[in-house]
Every structure is written in C-alpha cells, then in structure tokens.
Protein backbone atom coordinates (compact mmCIF):
# COMPACT_ATOMS: atom_id res chain seq x y z
CA UNK A 1 31.89 -55.93 47.51
CA UNK A 2 28.79 -58.68 47.84
CA UNK A 3 29.73 -62.11 48.42
CA UNK A 4 28.02 -63.13 45.08
CA UNK A 5 30.29 -60.52 43.00
CA UNK A 6 33.42 -61.96 44.89
CA UNK A 7 32.62 -65.05 44.16
CA UNK A 8 31.51 -64.29 40.51
CA UNK A 9 35.06 -62.43 40.02
CA UNK A 10 37.10 -65.07 41.54
CA UNK A 11 35.34 -67.67 39.21
CA UNK A 12 35.86 -65.78 36.07
CA UNK A 13 39.46 -65.01 36.85
CA UNK A 14 40.42 -68.88 37.74
CA UNK A 15 43.81 -69.09 36.10
CA UNK A 16 43.09 -72.91 35.79
CA UNK A 17 40.90 -72.84 32.24
CA UNK A 18 39.56 -76.31 33.05
CA UNK A 19 37.81 -74.78 36.45
CA UNK A 20 37.11 -71.38 35.30
CA UNK A 21 33.33 -70.62 35.35
CA UNK A 22 31.71 -71.05 31.90
CA UNK A 23 34.61 -72.31 30.14
CA UNK A 24 34.07 -76.16 30.30
CA UNK A 25 30.71 -78.09 30.43
CA UNK A 26 27.77 -75.61 30.59
CA UNK A 27 29.55 -72.62 29.15
CA UNK A 28 27.78 -69.54 29.30
CA UNK A 29 25.02 -71.23 30.86
CA UNK A 30 26.80 -71.86 34.09
CA UNK A 31 27.96 -68.19 34.23
CA UNK A 32 24.25 -67.04 33.87
CA UNK A 33 23.20 -69.14 36.67
CA UNK A 34 25.66 -67.81 39.10
CA UNK A 35 23.66 -66.20 41.95
CA UNK A 36 25.20 -62.82 41.06
CA UNK A 37 22.94 -62.79 38.21
CA UNK A 38 19.75 -63.74 40.11
CA UNK A 39 16.72 -61.86 38.82
CA UNK A 40 18.16 -61.22 35.49
CA UNK A 41 15.67 -62.41 32.75
CA UNK A 42 17.99 -63.75 30.24
CA UNK A 43 14.92 -64.04 27.54
CA UNK A 44 14.02 -60.30 27.93
CA UNK A 45 17.58 -59.01 28.00
CA UNK A 46 18.13 -60.94 24.70
CA UNK A 47 14.98 -59.67 22.99
CA UNK A 48 15.76 -56.22 24.23
CA UNK A 49 12.68 -55.81 26.37
CA UNK A 50 14.54 -54.48 29.22
CA UNK A 51 16.44 -51.41 29.99
CA UNK A 52 19.78 -50.98 31.84
CA UNK A 53 19.87 -48.59 35.01
CA UNK A 54 21.56 -45.83 33.01
CA UNK A 55 20.64 -44.96 29.67
CA UNK A 56 23.26 -42.40 28.52
CA UNK A 57 22.06 -39.79 25.89
CA UNK A 58 24.20 -40.05 22.73
CA UNK A 59 24.77 -37.46 20.13
CA UNK A 60 25.71 -39.85 17.64
CA UNK A 61 27.36 -43.13 17.29
CA UNK A 62 30.88 -41.70 17.84
CA UNK A 63 29.79 -39.94 20.75
CA UNK A 64 32.30 -40.71 23.57
CA UNK A 65 31.49 -38.11 26.52
CA UNK A 66 30.53 -40.90 28.82
CA UNK A 67 33.77 -42.52 28.86
CA UNK A 68 36.63 -41.28 31.31
CA UNK A 69 39.74 -40.16 29.40
CA UNK A 70 42.88 -42.15 30.17
CA UNK A 71 46.52 -41.19 29.63
CA UNK A 72 48.50 -43.67 27.62
CA UNK A 73 50.45 -46.38 29.40
CA UNK A 74 53.98 -45.06 30.17
CA UNK A 75 56.71 -46.66 28.22
CA UNK A 76 59.17 -49.41 30.26
CA UNK A 77 56.27 -50.57 32.43
CA UNK A 78 57.32 -53.59 34.74
CA UNK A 79 56.17 -57.01 33.13
CA UNK A 80 53.73 -59.04 35.36
CA UNK A 81 56.10 -61.93 36.65
CA UNK A 82 55.53 -64.40 39.74
CA UNK A 83 58.13 -62.04 41.47
CA UNK A 84 55.36 -59.27 40.98
CA UNK A 85 52.61 -61.40 41.70
CA UNK A 86 54.30 -62.44 45.18
CA UNK A 87 55.00 -58.48 46.10
CA UNK A 88 51.39 -57.81 45.83
CA UNK A 89 49.88 -61.29 47.14
CA UNK A 90 49.28 -59.91 50.29
CA UNK A 91 47.00 -57.20 49.13
CA UNK A 92 44.75 -59.64 47.88
CA UNK A 93 44.90 -62.14 50.89
CA UNK A 94 40.97 -61.46 52.08
CA UNK A 95 39.88 -61.74 48.35
C-alpha cells in the first residue's frame, strides 16, 4: 500500500471526530486536497467529463454480476470490544 493511501485511510479512520480528515474545518475540500487524490480533476468528475478505469457492461439497472457473492454473517458473532481490539492490535502495529 502506498504511503499516501495509508495516510488517507488513517486520516479517515481517526476515532476522534474532531481530528478526522474532512469532518471539521474545510470539510470535503480537505479530503479532496489529500495527496492520494493528486491528479484528480474534480470539476471534470463533477461534470462527468471523465471516465473510470473500469466501466462494466450492465444488462440493466438491477444487474449485479459485477459484485462478489458473500454468505450472510453467522449468528452469534463476537461483538467488537476493547478486549478484541487489544487482541488484534499487534496485527496493525506498522499501519
């Protein structure tokens, strides 16, 4: 993962909402100004003058062939708690 992508994800996932990217002063403009979005022409995007890197062919408005199928979540899933966070904290130490 690139450093810019890592920085963007971390800034968007900040628990303290007063420090979360895009949540306070500047709003969405601060998100759009993040280096990960460098090269995006927001005006062209807004006016639909640009195309995505992948444009799927759709058979109709309800065509979901381009989405993966997932099983329903199992019943009795363990709730997310501080103990659970502590258990997996080491997995994200370099993130």
